N, C-alpha and C. Protein backbone atom coordinates (compact mmCIF):
# COMPACT_ATOMS: atom_id res chain seq x y z
N MET A 1 19.22 -30.67 28.14
CA MET A 1 18.41 -31.71 27.50
C MET A 1 16.88 -31.47 27.38
N TYR A 2 16.31 -31.91 26.25
CA TYR A 2 14.84 -31.65 26.08
C TYR A 2 14.38 -33.08 26.64
N LEU A 3 13.07 -32.99 27.19
CA LEU A 3 12.44 -34.18 27.71
C LEU A 3 11.33 -34.71 26.67
N LYS A 4 11.55 -35.63 25.96
CA LYS A 4 10.67 -36.24 25.11
C LYS A 4 10.10 -37.54 25.51
N PRO A 5 9.17 -37.72 26.28
CA PRO A 5 8.75 -38.99 26.85
C PRO A 5 8.41 -40.05 25.81
N LYS A 6 7.88 -39.70 24.54
CA LYS A 6 7.48 -40.66 23.69
C LYS A 6 7.76 -40.16 22.34
N CYS A 7 8.22 -40.97 21.50
CA CYS A 7 8.83 -40.66 20.15
C CYS A 7 8.58 -41.83 19.17
N HIS A 8 7.76 -41.68 18.13
CA HIS A 8 7.52 -42.79 17.25
C HIS A 8 8.68 -42.75 16.03
N VAL A 9 9.27 -43.85 16.00
CA VAL A 9 10.15 -44.15 14.88
C VAL A 9 9.63 -44.75 13.64
N VAL A 10 10.02 -44.15 12.38
CA VAL A 10 9.39 -44.60 11.13
C VAL A 10 10.74 -44.82 10.18
N ASP A 11 11.01 -46.12 9.83
CA ASP A 11 12.17 -46.32 8.92
C ASP A 11 11.49 -46.44 7.59
N LEU A 12 11.87 -45.46 6.67
CA LEU A 12 11.52 -45.31 5.35
C LEU A 12 12.36 -46.15 4.32
N GLY A 13 13.44 -46.69 4.74
CA GLY A 13 14.36 -47.38 3.88
C GLY A 13 14.94 -46.36 2.83
N MET A 14 15.00 -46.95 1.62
CA MET A 14 15.47 -45.91 0.60
C MET A 14 14.15 -45.18 0.02
N ILE A 15 14.26 -43.79 0.08
CA ILE A 15 13.23 -43.09 -0.48
C ILE A 15 13.74 -41.93 -1.22
N GLU A 16 13.00 -41.45 -2.26
CA GLU A 16 13.40 -40.18 -2.88
C GLU A 16 13.26 -39.03 -2.03
N TYR A 17 14.19 -38.03 -2.07
CA TYR A 17 14.38 -37.07 -1.31
C TYR A 17 13.14 -36.17 -1.07
N GLN A 18 12.54 -35.81 -2.25
CA GLN A 18 11.25 -34.80 -2.24
C GLN A 18 10.16 -35.69 -1.56
N LYS A 19 10.05 -36.99 -1.82
CA LYS A 19 8.89 -37.64 -1.12
C LYS A 19 9.07 -37.80 0.37
N SER A 20 10.27 -37.88 0.91
CA SER A 20 10.72 -37.74 2.28
C SER A 20 10.17 -36.37 2.89
N LEU A 21 10.65 -35.30 2.28
CA LEU A 21 10.21 -34.00 2.52
C LEU A 21 8.78 -33.75 2.60
N ASP A 22 7.94 -34.37 1.62
CA ASP A 22 6.57 -34.09 1.56
C ASP A 22 5.96 -34.71 2.91
N LEU A 23 6.53 -36.00 3.24
CA LEU A 23 6.00 -36.70 4.34
C LEU A 23 6.43 -36.04 5.61
N GLN A 24 7.55 -35.37 5.75
CA GLN A 24 7.86 -34.64 6.81
C GLN A 24 7.00 -33.55 7.24
N LYS A 25 6.61 -32.73 6.18
CA LYS A 25 5.75 -31.62 6.26
C LYS A 25 4.32 -32.01 6.67
N LYS A 26 3.89 -33.15 6.21
CA LYS A 26 2.62 -33.76 6.78
C LYS A 26 2.65 -34.00 8.14
N ILE A 27 3.70 -34.70 8.53
CA ILE A 27 3.89 -34.98 10.03
C ILE A 27 3.95 -33.88 10.95
N VAL A 28 4.74 -32.77 10.51
CA VAL A 28 4.86 -31.51 11.19
C VAL A 28 3.52 -30.82 11.35
N LYS A 29 2.74 -30.90 10.48
CA LYS A 29 1.48 -30.24 10.61
C LYS A 29 0.69 -31.07 11.69
N LYS A 30 0.73 -32.38 11.65
CA LYS A 30 0.02 -33.11 12.71
C LYS A 30 0.53 -33.02 14.03
N VAL A 31 2.03 -32.91 14.14
CA VAL A 31 2.59 -32.49 15.48
C VAL A 31 2.00 -31.29 15.86
N ILE A 32 2.08 -30.14 15.10
CA ILE A 32 1.52 -28.89 15.64
C ILE A 32 0.20 -28.93 16.00
N ASP A 33 -0.62 -29.82 15.27
CA ASP A 33 -2.08 -29.85 15.64
C ASP A 33 -2.40 -30.60 16.86
N GLY A 34 -1.32 -31.33 17.32
CA GLY A 34 -1.42 -32.21 18.42
C GLY A 34 -2.17 -33.74 18.12
N GLU A 35 -1.95 -33.96 16.83
CA GLU A 35 -2.65 -35.21 16.35
C GLU A 35 -1.72 -36.60 16.51
N VAL A 36 -0.47 -36.20 16.54
CA VAL A 36 0.63 -37.19 16.65
C VAL A 36 1.62 -36.87 17.56
N SER A 37 2.37 -37.69 18.00
CA SER A 37 3.59 -37.47 19.08
C SER A 37 4.74 -37.06 18.22
N ASP A 38 5.87 -36.77 18.75
CA ASP A 38 7.12 -36.50 18.15
C ASP A 38 7.47 -37.79 17.32
N THR A 39 7.87 -37.58 16.13
CA THR A 39 8.39 -38.60 15.23
C THR A 39 9.78 -38.58 14.60
N LEU A 40 10.46 -39.64 14.79
CA LEU A 40 11.86 -39.71 14.10
C LEU A 40 11.84 -40.60 12.99
N ILE A 41 12.13 -39.87 11.82
CA ILE A 41 12.18 -40.68 10.47
C ILE A 41 13.63 -41.04 10.25
N THR A 42 13.83 -42.38 9.87
CA THR A 42 15.19 -42.71 9.43
C THR A 42 15.10 -43.25 8.09
N CYS A 43 16.04 -42.90 7.18
CA CYS A 43 15.99 -43.37 5.77
C CYS A 43 17.33 -43.22 5.08
N GLN A 44 17.45 -43.66 3.81
CA GLN A 44 18.56 -43.20 2.93
C GLN A 44 17.77 -42.60 1.69
N HIS A 45 18.73 -41.89 0.92
CA HIS A 45 18.33 -41.22 -0.32
C HIS A 45 19.00 -41.84 -1.53
N PRO A 46 18.32 -41.93 -2.61
CA PRO A 46 19.16 -42.08 -3.93
C PRO A 46 19.95 -40.74 -4.06
N HIS A 47 20.92 -40.80 -4.89
CA HIS A 47 21.90 -39.73 -5.24
C HIS A 47 21.05 -38.41 -5.62
N VAL A 48 21.39 -37.41 -4.60
CA VAL A 48 20.76 -36.11 -4.72
C VAL A 48 21.59 -35.13 -4.11
N ILE A 49 21.68 -33.83 -4.69
CA ILE A 49 22.25 -32.67 -4.13
C ILE A 49 21.04 -31.76 -3.76
N THR A 50 21.21 -31.32 -2.40
CA THR A 50 20.09 -30.34 -1.95
C THR A 50 20.78 -29.05 -1.59
N LEU A 51 19.97 -28.04 -1.91
CA LEU A 51 20.49 -26.75 -1.52
C LEU A 51 19.35 -26.05 -0.70
N SER A 52 19.92 -25.29 0.36
CA SER A 52 19.22 -24.73 1.42
C SER A 52 18.38 -23.53 0.88
N ARG A 53 17.70 -22.91 1.93
CA ARG A 53 17.15 -21.50 1.49
C ARG A 53 18.41 -20.34 1.00
N LEU A 54 19.44 -20.45 1.65
CA LEU A 54 20.47 -19.46 1.40
C LEU A 54 21.75 -19.95 0.54
N ALA A 55 21.50 -21.12 -0.18
CA ALA A 55 22.64 -21.78 -0.55
C ALA A 55 23.13 -20.99 -1.98
N LYS A 56 24.33 -21.17 -2.19
CA LYS A 56 24.83 -20.44 -3.42
C LYS A 56 24.88 -21.59 -4.53
N LYS A 57 24.37 -21.33 -5.67
CA LYS A 57 24.18 -22.34 -6.69
C LYS A 57 25.64 -22.70 -7.33
N GLU A 58 26.53 -21.73 -7.15
CA GLU A 58 28.06 -21.86 -7.65
C GLU A 58 28.69 -22.95 -6.69
N ASN A 59 28.11 -23.38 -5.55
CA ASN A 59 28.73 -24.28 -4.75
C ASN A 59 28.44 -25.83 -5.41
N ILE A 60 27.75 -25.85 -6.46
CA ILE A 60 27.65 -27.16 -7.28
C ILE A 60 28.63 -26.88 -8.46
N LEU A 61 29.51 -27.81 -8.48
CA LEU A 61 30.75 -27.55 -9.20
C LEU A 61 30.79 -28.12 -10.54
N VAL A 62 29.64 -28.66 -11.07
CA VAL A 62 29.43 -29.24 -12.31
C VAL A 62 28.06 -28.84 -13.05
N SER A 63 27.72 -29.14 -14.32
CA SER A 63 26.72 -28.67 -14.80
C SER A 63 25.47 -29.60 -14.57
N CYS A 64 24.29 -29.12 -14.90
CA CYS A 64 23.27 -29.93 -14.47
C CYS A 64 23.11 -31.07 -15.60
N GLU A 65 23.75 -30.88 -16.63
CA GLU A 65 23.83 -32.08 -17.81
C GLU A 65 24.69 -33.05 -17.13
N GLU A 66 25.79 -32.57 -16.56
CA GLU A 66 26.80 -33.83 -15.84
C GLU A 66 26.09 -34.46 -14.83
N LEU A 67 25.34 -33.76 -14.04
CA LEU A 67 24.55 -34.48 -12.79
C LEU A 67 23.69 -35.34 -13.36
N LYS A 68 22.89 -34.94 -14.40
CA LYS A 68 21.86 -36.00 -14.95
C LYS A 68 22.48 -37.18 -15.62
N LYS A 69 23.67 -37.06 -16.02
CA LYS A 69 24.36 -38.12 -16.75
C LYS A 69 24.97 -39.17 -15.57
N LEU A 70 25.16 -38.66 -14.41
CA LEU A 70 25.60 -39.24 -13.23
C LEU A 70 24.45 -39.92 -12.53
N GLY A 71 23.21 -39.55 -12.76
CA GLY A 71 22.01 -39.81 -12.07
C GLY A 71 21.93 -39.15 -10.77
N VAL A 72 22.28 -37.97 -10.85
CA VAL A 72 22.16 -37.20 -9.35
C VAL A 72 21.12 -36.15 -9.64
N GLY A 73 20.18 -36.18 -8.69
CA GLY A 73 19.05 -35.12 -8.73
C GLY A 73 19.61 -33.85 -7.97
N ILE A 74 18.74 -32.86 -8.17
CA ILE A 74 18.87 -31.51 -7.56
C ILE A 74 17.61 -31.19 -6.81
N CYS A 75 17.59 -30.69 -5.49
CA CYS A 75 16.42 -30.25 -4.91
C CYS A 75 16.83 -28.99 -4.08
N TRP A 76 15.91 -28.10 -4.43
CA TRP A 76 16.03 -26.73 -3.47
C TRP A 76 15.06 -27.26 -2.26
N THR A 77 15.41 -26.71 -1.19
CA THR A 77 14.83 -27.14 0.18
C THR A 77 14.83 -25.96 1.10
N ASP A 78 14.12 -26.21 2.26
CA ASP A 78 13.89 -25.11 3.27
C ASP A 78 14.70 -25.35 4.55
N ARG A 79 15.63 -26.12 4.56
CA ARG A 79 16.54 -26.25 5.84
C ARG A 79 17.64 -25.13 5.82
N GLY A 80 18.28 -25.20 6.92
CA GLY A 80 19.57 -24.38 7.13
C GLY A 80 20.62 -24.98 6.31
N GLY A 81 21.91 -24.28 6.64
CA GLY A 81 22.99 -24.87 5.83
C GLY A 81 23.09 -24.20 4.57
N ASP A 82 23.88 -24.91 3.59
CA ASP A 82 24.20 -24.63 2.23
C ASP A 82 23.82 -25.80 1.38
N VAL A 83 24.89 -26.29 0.57
CA VAL A 83 24.67 -27.44 -0.23
C VAL A 83 25.19 -28.62 0.31
N THR A 84 24.42 -29.76 0.10
CA THR A 84 24.96 -31.09 0.72
C THR A 84 24.66 -32.17 -0.35
N TYR A 85 25.01 -33.19 -0.20
CA TYR A 85 24.85 -34.46 -0.87
C TYR A 85 24.18 -35.66 -0.10
N HIS A 86 23.16 -36.27 -0.63
CA HIS A 86 22.66 -37.46 0.00
C HIS A 86 22.85 -38.57 -0.97
N GLY A 87 23.10 -39.79 -0.50
CA GLY A 87 23.19 -40.89 -1.34
C GLY A 87 23.27 -42.30 -0.73
N PRO A 88 23.13 -43.30 -1.33
CA PRO A 88 23.39 -44.78 -0.79
C PRO A 88 24.57 -44.86 0.05
N GLY A 89 24.38 -45.57 1.29
CA GLY A 89 25.43 -45.66 2.14
C GLY A 89 25.46 -44.67 3.27
N GLN A 90 24.58 -43.67 3.25
CA GLN A 90 24.40 -42.61 4.20
C GLN A 90 23.13 -42.66 5.00
N ILE A 91 23.28 -42.76 6.39
CA ILE A 91 21.92 -42.75 7.17
C ILE A 91 21.67 -41.36 7.38
N VAL A 92 20.18 -41.14 7.12
CA VAL A 92 19.60 -39.86 7.34
C VAL A 92 18.57 -39.87 8.51
N LEU A 93 18.68 -39.10 9.51
CA LEU A 93 17.80 -38.87 10.67
C LEU A 93 16.93 -37.56 10.47
N TYR A 94 15.61 -37.72 10.48
CA TYR A 94 14.74 -36.48 10.44
C TYR A 94 14.04 -36.40 11.86
N PRO A 95 14.34 -35.73 12.85
CA PRO A 95 13.55 -35.60 13.98
C PRO A 95 12.56 -34.66 13.91
N ILE A 96 11.28 -34.97 14.06
CA ILE A 96 10.20 -33.99 14.04
C ILE A 96 9.73 -33.87 15.46
N PHE A 97 10.31 -32.75 16.05
CA PHE A 97 10.30 -32.77 17.54
C PHE A 97 9.55 -31.47 17.99
N ASN A 98 8.61 -31.42 18.90
CA ASN A 98 7.86 -30.23 19.29
C ASN A 98 8.60 -29.54 20.41
N LEU A 99 9.21 -28.50 20.18
CA LEU A 99 9.95 -27.75 21.06
C LEU A 99 9.23 -26.70 22.13
N LYS A 100 7.96 -26.67 21.69
CA LYS A 100 7.27 -25.60 22.51
C LYS A 100 7.22 -25.73 23.99
N GLU A 101 7.24 -27.02 24.46
CA GLU A 101 7.24 -27.11 26.04
C GLU A 101 8.74 -27.15 26.47
N ASP A 102 9.55 -26.97 25.69
CA ASP A 102 11.00 -27.02 26.07
C ASP A 102 11.48 -25.56 26.08
N LYS A 103 12.88 -25.41 26.02
CA LYS A 103 13.52 -24.08 26.07
C LYS A 103 13.25 -23.11 24.69
N LYS A 104 12.84 -23.75 23.70
CA LYS A 104 12.67 -23.18 22.41
C LYS A 104 14.12 -22.61 22.12
N ASP A 105 15.05 -23.50 22.17
CA ASP A 105 16.42 -22.98 21.92
C ASP A 105 16.82 -23.99 20.81
N LEU A 106 16.99 -23.37 19.52
CA LEU A 106 17.43 -24.26 18.26
C LEU A 106 18.90 -24.41 18.58
N HIS A 107 19.67 -23.45 19.09
CA HIS A 107 21.15 -23.82 19.36
C HIS A 107 21.42 -25.11 20.14
N ILE A 108 20.76 -25.06 21.27
CA ILE A 108 20.76 -26.31 21.97
C ILE A 108 20.45 -27.70 21.25
N PHE A 109 19.25 -27.52 20.51
CA PHE A 109 18.69 -28.60 19.70
C PHE A 109 19.82 -28.97 18.54
N LEU A 110 20.47 -28.09 17.99
CA LEU A 110 21.55 -28.46 17.00
C LEU A 110 22.77 -29.14 17.70
N ARG A 111 23.22 -28.66 18.78
CA ARG A 111 24.19 -29.10 19.56
C ARG A 111 23.90 -30.61 20.03
N ASN A 112 22.66 -30.74 20.43
CA ASN A 112 22.24 -32.14 20.79
C ASN A 112 22.33 -33.05 19.72
N LEU A 113 21.85 -32.75 18.45
CA LEU A 113 22.02 -33.52 17.14
C LEU A 113 23.53 -33.80 16.96
N GLU A 114 24.33 -32.90 17.01
CA GLU A 114 25.78 -33.25 17.04
C GLU A 114 26.18 -34.40 18.04
N GLU A 115 25.66 -34.17 19.28
CA GLU A 115 26.06 -35.04 20.29
C GLU A 115 25.49 -36.52 20.12
N VAL A 116 24.41 -36.65 19.36
CA VAL A 116 23.78 -37.90 19.00
C VAL A 116 24.95 -38.67 18.20
N VAL A 117 25.58 -37.97 17.29
CA VAL A 117 26.56 -38.57 16.35
C VAL A 117 27.90 -38.83 17.10
N ILE A 118 28.31 -37.75 17.85
CA ILE A 118 29.57 -38.03 18.62
C ILE A 118 29.49 -39.00 19.58
N ARG A 119 28.48 -39.16 20.48
CA ARG A 119 28.34 -40.18 21.35
C ARG A 119 28.38 -41.69 20.80
N ALA A 120 27.66 -41.75 19.66
CA ALA A 120 27.47 -42.90 18.98
C ALA A 120 28.76 -43.50 18.39
N LEU A 121 29.43 -42.56 17.86
CA LEU A 121 31.00 -42.89 17.35
C LEU A 121 31.97 -43.21 18.32
N ARG A 122 32.00 -42.35 19.31
CA ARG A 122 32.81 -42.63 20.46
C ARG A 122 32.61 -43.75 21.28
N ASN A 123 31.25 -44.15 21.69
CA ASN A 123 31.04 -45.17 22.53
C ASN A 123 31.08 -46.48 21.74
N ASN A 124 30.76 -46.51 20.54
CA ASN A 124 30.69 -47.77 19.93
C ASN A 124 31.83 -48.13 18.97
N PHE A 125 32.64 -47.02 18.58
CA PHE A 125 33.74 -47.27 17.70
C PHE A 125 35.12 -46.87 18.29
N GLY A 126 35.09 -46.04 19.32
CA GLY A 126 36.27 -45.49 19.77
C GLY A 126 36.83 -44.35 19.08
N LEU A 127 35.87 -43.76 18.16
CA LEU A 127 36.42 -42.64 17.18
C LEU A 127 36.44 -41.39 17.97
N ASN A 128 37.45 -40.59 17.87
CA ASN A 128 37.51 -39.27 18.41
C ASN A 128 36.65 -38.24 17.78
N ALA A 129 35.33 -38.42 17.72
CA ALA A 129 34.36 -37.66 17.04
C ALA A 129 34.17 -36.24 17.76
N TYR A 130 34.16 -35.16 17.16
CA TYR A 130 34.03 -33.72 17.73
C TYR A 130 33.36 -32.92 16.97
N ARG A 131 32.96 -31.77 17.54
CA ARG A 131 32.21 -30.63 16.64
C ARG A 131 33.37 -29.53 16.61
N LYS A 132 33.23 -28.62 15.66
CA LYS A 132 34.17 -27.58 15.35
C LYS A 132 33.49 -26.36 15.66
N SER A 133 34.18 -25.40 16.54
CA SER A 133 33.56 -24.17 16.91
C SER A 133 33.13 -23.31 15.75
N GLY A 134 32.02 -22.87 15.82
CA GLY A 134 31.40 -21.86 14.80
C GLY A 134 30.95 -22.71 13.53
N LEU A 135 31.00 -24.00 13.61
CA LEU A 135 30.43 -24.75 12.46
C LEU A 135 29.54 -25.79 12.96
N THR A 136 28.55 -26.32 12.13
CA THR A 136 27.61 -27.16 12.29
C THR A 136 28.06 -28.67 11.70
N GLY A 137 28.02 -29.73 12.43
CA GLY A 137 28.34 -31.05 11.91
C GLY A 137 29.20 -31.77 12.90
N VAL A 138 29.94 -32.86 12.45
CA VAL A 138 30.69 -33.82 13.29
C VAL A 138 31.93 -34.05 12.23
N TRP A 139 33.05 -34.12 13.05
CA TRP A 139 34.39 -34.38 12.26
C TRP A 139 34.97 -35.60 13.15
N VAL A 140 35.73 -36.29 12.39
CA VAL A 140 36.70 -37.26 12.96
C VAL A 140 37.97 -36.91 12.38
N GLY A 141 38.95 -36.51 13.15
CA GLY A 141 40.26 -36.04 12.65
C GLY A 141 39.92 -34.94 11.75
N PRO A 142 40.63 -34.85 10.66
CA PRO A 142 40.33 -33.74 9.81
C PRO A 142 39.13 -33.84 8.79
N TYR A 143 38.48 -34.94 9.06
CA TYR A 143 37.42 -35.39 8.04
C TYR A 143 35.93 -35.01 8.64
N LYS A 144 35.18 -34.51 7.73
CA LYS A 144 33.76 -34.43 8.12
C LYS A 144 32.80 -35.55 7.94
N VAL A 145 32.23 -36.11 8.83
CA VAL A 145 31.51 -37.33 8.75
C VAL A 145 29.92 -37.16 8.72
N ALA A 146 29.69 -36.05 9.32
CA ALA A 146 28.09 -35.98 9.44
C ALA A 146 27.64 -34.50 9.23
N SER A 147 26.56 -34.20 8.51
CA SER A 147 26.13 -32.86 8.24
C SER A 147 24.76 -32.66 8.99
N ILE A 148 24.44 -31.56 9.31
CA ILE A 148 23.10 -31.19 9.95
C ILE A 148 22.57 -29.84 9.36
N GLY A 149 21.34 -29.96 9.10
CA GLY A 149 20.66 -28.65 8.70
C GLY A 149 19.08 -29.00 9.08
N ILE A 150 18.64 -28.10 9.62
CA ILE A 150 17.07 -28.15 10.12
C ILE A 150 16.19 -27.10 9.69
N GLY A 151 14.92 -27.32 9.70
CA GLY A 151 13.93 -26.34 9.61
C GLY A 151 12.97 -26.39 10.74
N VAL A 152 12.15 -25.26 10.93
CA VAL A 152 11.32 -25.25 12.07
C VAL A 152 10.15 -24.61 11.64
N SER A 153 8.78 -25.02 12.14
CA SER A 153 7.65 -24.44 11.96
C SER A 153 6.78 -24.46 13.30
N HIS A 154 6.49 -23.41 13.77
CA HIS A 154 5.79 -23.28 15.17
C HIS A 154 6.47 -24.04 16.07
N TRP A 155 7.82 -23.96 16.06
CA TRP A 155 8.62 -24.60 16.98
C TRP A 155 8.64 -26.18 16.93
N VAL A 156 8.12 -26.59 15.79
CA VAL A 156 8.48 -28.00 15.45
C VAL A 156 9.56 -28.20 14.39
N THR A 157 10.35 -29.11 14.65
CA THR A 157 11.46 -29.10 13.83
C THR A 157 11.40 -30.16 12.77
N TYR A 158 12.14 -30.05 11.76
CA TYR A 158 12.13 -31.11 10.58
C TYR A 158 13.41 -30.97 9.93
N HIS A 159 13.56 -31.80 8.83
CA HIS A 159 14.98 -32.03 8.28
C HIS A 159 15.88 -32.62 9.39
N GLY A 160 17.21 -32.56 9.47
CA GLY A 160 17.89 -33.21 10.47
C GLY A 160 19.46 -33.39 10.09
N LEU A 161 19.93 -34.73 10.20
CA LEU A 161 21.22 -34.95 10.15
C LEU A 161 21.55 -36.25 9.16
N SER A 162 22.66 -36.27 8.55
CA SER A 162 23.16 -37.26 7.74
C SER A 162 24.62 -37.75 8.19
N LEU A 163 24.75 -39.05 8.07
CA LEU A 163 25.89 -39.60 8.65
C LEU A 163 26.56 -40.55 7.58
N ASN A 164 27.76 -40.38 7.05
CA ASN A 164 28.30 -41.30 6.25
C ASN A 164 28.81 -42.57 6.79
N VAL A 165 28.33 -43.65 6.28
CA VAL A 165 28.76 -44.94 6.75
C VAL A 165 29.56 -45.78 5.67
N ARG A 166 29.05 -45.83 4.55
CA ARG A 166 29.90 -46.33 3.45
C ARG A 166 29.34 -45.54 2.08
N THR A 167 29.63 -44.26 2.18
CA THR A 167 29.19 -43.55 1.19
C THR A 167 30.32 -43.45 0.06
N ASP A 168 29.92 -43.43 -1.12
CA ASP A 168 30.79 -43.27 -2.29
C ASP A 168 31.21 -41.66 -2.36
N LYS A 169 32.47 -41.47 -1.85
CA LYS A 169 32.79 -40.06 -1.65
C LYS A 169 33.10 -39.27 -2.88
N LYS A 170 33.12 -40.04 -4.05
CA LYS A 170 33.44 -39.30 -5.20
C LYS A 170 32.30 -38.27 -5.57
N PHE A 171 30.99 -38.41 -5.15
CA PHE A 171 29.99 -37.67 -5.44
C PHE A 171 30.20 -36.23 -4.65
N TYR A 172 30.85 -36.16 -3.70
CA TYR A 172 31.19 -35.09 -2.88
C TYR A 172 32.04 -34.08 -3.75
N ASN A 173 32.71 -34.64 -4.73
CA ASN A 173 33.64 -33.81 -5.57
C ASN A 173 32.71 -32.92 -6.61
N LEU A 174 31.43 -33.15 -6.59
CA LEU A 174 30.52 -32.60 -7.46
C LEU A 174 30.22 -31.20 -6.85
N ILE A 175 30.34 -30.96 -5.49
CA ILE A 175 29.97 -29.88 -4.76
C ILE A 175 30.90 -29.21 -3.93
N LYS A 176 30.75 -28.14 -3.41
CA LYS A 176 31.66 -27.59 -2.21
C LYS A 176 30.78 -27.87 -0.93
N PRO A 177 31.07 -29.03 -0.24
CA PRO A 177 30.19 -29.35 0.89
C PRO A 177 29.88 -28.26 2.01
N CYS A 178 28.59 -28.00 2.24
CA CYS A 178 28.13 -26.99 3.25
C CYS A 178 28.69 -25.65 2.70
N GLY A 179 29.29 -25.37 1.45
CA GLY A 179 29.88 -24.13 1.30
C GLY A 179 31.15 -23.92 1.81
N LEU A 180 31.91 -24.85 2.45
CA LEU A 180 33.06 -24.85 3.05
C LEU A 180 34.22 -25.12 2.15
N PRO A 181 35.19 -24.24 2.18
CA PRO A 181 36.51 -24.45 1.24
C PRO A 181 37.24 -25.69 1.88
N ASP A 182 37.73 -26.48 0.81
CA ASP A 182 38.66 -27.59 1.09
C ASP A 182 38.25 -28.38 2.34
N VAL A 183 36.86 -28.67 2.47
CA VAL A 183 36.47 -29.70 3.53
C VAL A 183 36.74 -31.10 3.07
N LYS A 184 37.30 -32.04 3.82
CA LYS A 184 37.45 -33.26 3.58
C LYS A 184 36.35 -34.10 4.19
N ILE A 185 35.91 -35.14 3.44
CA ILE A 185 34.78 -35.87 3.77
C ILE A 185 35.31 -37.43 4.09
N ALA A 186 34.69 -38.10 4.98
CA ALA A 186 34.94 -39.45 5.28
C ALA A 186 33.80 -40.13 5.50
N SER A 187 33.81 -41.41 5.46
CA SER A 187 32.80 -42.38 6.05
C SER A 187 33.29 -43.31 7.16
N ILE A 188 32.44 -43.82 8.10
CA ILE A 188 32.81 -44.60 9.19
C ILE A 188 33.68 -45.74 8.69
N ASN A 189 33.33 -46.25 7.55
CA ASN A 189 33.98 -47.57 6.91
C ASN A 189 35.39 -47.22 6.55
N ASP A 190 35.71 -45.88 6.33
CA ASP A 190 37.27 -45.55 6.09
C ASP A 190 38.08 -45.83 7.36
N PHE A 191 37.73 -45.88 8.50
CA PHE A 191 38.37 -45.98 9.68
C PHE A 191 38.72 -47.43 10.17
N PHE A 192 37.98 -48.40 9.35
CA PHE A 192 38.15 -49.81 9.80
C PHE A 192 38.30 -50.67 8.58
N ASP A 193 39.11 -51.81 8.96
CA ASP A 193 39.23 -52.86 7.86
C ASP A 193 37.93 -53.59 7.57
N ASP A 194 37.21 -53.84 8.67
CA ASP A 194 35.80 -54.65 8.52
C ASP A 194 34.64 -53.75 8.15
N ASP A 195 33.81 -54.29 7.38
CA ASP A 195 32.75 -53.45 6.73
C ASP A 195 31.59 -53.16 8.06
N VAL A 196 31.20 -52.07 8.22
CA VAL A 196 30.32 -51.69 9.16
C VAL A 196 28.95 -51.49 8.55
N SER A 197 27.91 -52.26 8.94
CA SER A 197 26.58 -52.25 8.27
C SER A 197 25.90 -51.02 8.73
N LEU A 198 24.98 -50.67 7.70
CA LEU A 198 24.24 -49.37 7.86
C LEU A 198 23.19 -49.63 8.98
N GLU A 199 22.70 -50.82 9.03
CA GLU A 199 21.62 -51.14 10.29
C GLU A 199 22.13 -51.04 11.69
N THR A 200 23.49 -51.55 11.71
CA THR A 200 24.12 -51.50 12.81
C THR A 200 24.33 -50.00 13.36
N VAL A 201 24.60 -49.15 12.61
CA VAL A 201 24.90 -47.85 12.95
C VAL A 201 23.66 -47.00 13.04
N ARG A 202 22.69 -47.47 12.38
CA ARG A 202 21.26 -46.84 12.51
C ARG A 202 20.71 -47.06 13.94
N LEU A 203 20.94 -48.38 14.41
CA LEU A 203 20.52 -48.78 15.74
C LEU A 203 21.28 -47.99 16.85
N MET A 204 22.46 -47.94 16.46
CA MET A 204 23.37 -47.06 17.59
C MET A 204 22.95 -45.70 17.65
N LEU A 205 22.58 -44.99 16.56
CA LEU A 205 22.12 -43.58 16.45
C LEU A 205 20.82 -43.52 17.27
N LEU A 206 19.91 -44.52 17.22
CA LEU A 206 18.53 -44.48 17.78
C LEU A 206 18.87 -44.58 19.33
N LYS A 207 19.75 -45.46 19.66
CA LYS A 207 20.12 -45.67 21.26
C LYS A 207 20.67 -44.10 21.57
N SER A 208 21.49 -43.61 20.86
CA SER A 208 22.06 -42.25 21.11
C SER A 208 20.81 -41.10 21.32
N ILE A 209 19.95 -41.12 20.28
CA ILE A 209 18.76 -40.29 20.45
C ILE A 209 18.10 -40.57 21.64
N GLN A 210 17.84 -41.59 21.93
CA GLN A 210 17.09 -41.94 23.15
C GLN A 210 17.67 -41.56 24.41
N ASP A 211 19.05 -41.53 24.57
CA ASP A 211 19.79 -41.15 25.72
C ASP A 211 19.87 -39.67 25.80
N ILE A 212 20.14 -39.09 24.75
CA ILE A 212 20.42 -37.61 24.81
C ILE A 212 19.06 -36.77 24.90
N PHE A 213 18.08 -37.06 24.15
CA PHE A 213 16.79 -36.52 24.23
C PHE A 213 15.90 -37.12 25.29
N GLU A 214 16.53 -37.99 26.03
CA GLU A 214 15.49 -38.66 27.29
C GLU A 214 14.31 -39.05 26.72
N CYS A 215 14.13 -39.86 25.65
CA CYS A 215 12.79 -40.15 25.11
C CYS A 215 12.76 -41.67 25.03
N HIS A 216 11.40 -42.13 25.04
CA HIS A 216 11.09 -43.62 24.73
C HIS A 216 10.76 -43.73 23.25
N LEU A 217 11.64 -44.51 22.60
CA LEU A 217 11.35 -44.72 21.15
C LEU A 217 10.38 -45.95 20.92
N ASN A 218 9.45 -45.84 20.17
CA ASN A 218 8.67 -46.83 19.80
C ASN A 218 8.03 -47.03 18.34
């Protein structure tokens, strides 16, 4: 586990993807320079498809014109992974954590991010959330519910994870999620009759972050 005694939480609400990325990079620089402590951003994004550094454009299955008609933006970005979708009803966490004083192990960091979601879903909902060997993300049964992709600069992380709470899954038909063939997508609300609120899940994830990274959120 990484020891992060203090972490500042910033809830941006609904924000354009590019604006959130610009803010992340500003905070990353301040963390690198020692001006601010580790920071955790929580937010949602309007409909957008993002492509990683190594993503294949053919993993977007419709034309740019069709995406525009649907009100879905496209952003190339500098995280890991492939192509993914962000939109309303999905909680996004961007941990901007300085790993210099830790083990500098991105593999452990990714597994810890998965554990944040797994523990939140198991402890609060009794869902059998798990990770798949050789893949990044979190599944419940045959369904992928969370995607993870990070960037790192001078051992300070950015980008992060997204968890579907009540996401309109039809937008996933526009892409080959994470470049994986025949991946099935689900939201937390798909497993329950009663509606699960985004704020409830956001607070559960914050508690899980605090426990797993042994940090104090403020």
